[in-house]
Amino acid sequence: MIKKVVGIITLIIFITTLLPLNALAEERVNLEQISDKMPGDQVIIKGTTNLDEVTVKILRPNGTIMYVNVIKGTENGDFEDVIT
C-alpha cells in the first residue's frame, strides 16, 4: 500500500515538473470594438493585455498583409496604435 502511494506521489511530482509554470497562466488580449471606417479615416486600435507586447496585423480582403506593428504595452496593460 505504501509503495502504491509513493508511486502515485512520484508520478504527480514528475508530471508537474514537465509543465512549465507559465503554462497555467492565462495570456489575454482584450481589443476595443472599432467602428465602421471609410477610406482615409483614422483607425485607432486599443485595448488591454497581460502580455509585454502585442502584434497588430491587418489583412486586406484578398488575404494579403496591409499592416503589421508590434506595440509595447504600458505597465497597467494598455496598448494603442493609430493607423491612417
Protein backbone atom coordinates (compact mmCIF):
# COMPACT_ATOMS: atom_id res chain seq x y z
CA MET A 1 0.00 0.00 0.00
CA ILE A 2 2.80 2.42 0.91
CA LYS A 3 4.61 1.61 -2.34
CA LYS A 4 1.46 2.46 -4.29
CA VAL A 5 1.06 5.84 -2.53
CA VAL A 6 4.74 6.68 -3.01
CA GLY A 7 4.43 5.70 -6.68
CA ILE A 8 1.40 7.96 -7.18
CA ILE A 9 3.10 10.89 -5.44
CA THR A 10 6.23 10.36 -7.53
CA LEU A 11 4.13 10.31 -10.70
CA ILE A 12 2.35 13.54 -9.72
CA ILE A 13 5.67 15.25 -8.99
CA PHE A 14 7.11 14.04 -12.30
CA ILE A 15 4.13 15.29 -14.31
CA THR A 16 4.13 18.71 -12.62
CA THR A 17 7.83 19.19 -13.36
CA LEU A 18 7.15 18.61 -17.06
CA LEU A 19 4.72 21.53 -17.19
CA PRO A 20 6.30 24.97 -17.33
CA LEU A 21 4.95 27.28 -14.66
CA ASN A 22 3.61 29.77 -17.19
CA ALA A 23 1.59 27.05 -18.93
CA LEU A 24 -1.10 27.58 -16.35
CA ALA A 25 -1.05 31.38 -16.77
CA GLU A 26 -3.69 32.89 -18.98
CA GLU A 27 -2.43 35.11 -21.80
CA ARG A 28 -5.13 37.59 -22.64
CA VAL A 29 -5.71 40.39 -25.15
CA ASN A 30 -8.91 42.45 -24.98
CA LEU A 31 -9.50 44.59 -28.05
CA GLU A 32 -11.94 47.50 -28.02
CA GLN A 33 -14.50 47.49 -30.82
CA ILE A 34 -13.63 49.54 -33.91
CA SER A 35 -16.46 51.40 -35.62
CA ASP A 36 -17.01 51.34 -39.38
CA LYS A 37 -14.43 53.35 -41.30
CA MET A 38 -14.23 54.93 -44.74
CA PRO A 39 -11.04 55.02 -46.84
CA GLY A 40 -8.70 57.65 -45.39
CA ASP A 41 -10.26 57.59 -41.91
CA GLN A 42 -8.03 57.21 -38.90
CA VAL A 43 -8.23 53.78 -37.24
CA ILE A 44 -7.41 53.52 -33.54
CA ILE A 45 -6.63 50.03 -32.28
CA LYS A 46 -6.55 49.87 -28.50
CA GLY A 47 -7.19 47.52 -25.66
CA THR A 48 -5.62 45.79 -22.69
CA THR A 49 -3.37 42.78 -22.27
CA ASN A 50 -1.29 40.96 -19.72
CA LEU A 51 1.48 40.43 -22.30
CA ASP A 52 4.57 42.64 -22.68
CA GLU A 53 3.80 43.37 -26.32
CA VAL A 54 1.05 42.85 -28.89
CA THR A 55 1.45 42.33 -32.63
CA VAL A 56 -1.17 44.04 -34.79
CA LYS A 57 -1.66 42.51 -38.22
CA ILE A 58 -4.25 43.85 -40.66
CA LEU A 59 -5.16 41.88 -43.76
CA ARG A 60 -6.73 43.14 -46.97
CA PRO A 61 -9.91 41.41 -48.19
CA ASN A 62 -7.81 39.30 -50.58
CA GLY A 63 -5.73 37.99 -47.64
CA THR A 64 -2.52 39.94 -48.27
CA ILE A 65 -0.87 41.82 -45.41
CA MET A 66 -1.72 45.51 -45.27
CA TYR A 67 -0.14 46.49 -41.94
CA VAL A 68 1.99 44.92 -39.19
CA ASN A 69 3.20 46.58 -36.00
CA VAL A 70 4.46 45.43 -32.60
CA ILE A 71 3.10 47.53 -29.73
CA LYS A 72 4.62 47.63 -26.26
CA GLY A 73 2.04 47.61 -23.50
CA THR A 74 2.09 50.06 -20.62
CA GLU A 75 2.61 48.97 -17.01
CA ASN A 76 -1.15 48.69 -16.46
CA GLY A 77 -1.56 46.62 -19.66
CA ASP A 78 -3.00 49.23 -22.04
CA PHE A 79 -1.89 49.42 -25.67
CA GLU A 80 -2.84 51.67 -28.58
CA ASP A 81 -1.93 52.02 -32.25
CA VAL A 82 -3.16 54.63 -34.74
CA ILE A 83 -3.33 53.94 -38.47
CA THR A 84 -4.21 56.47 -41.15
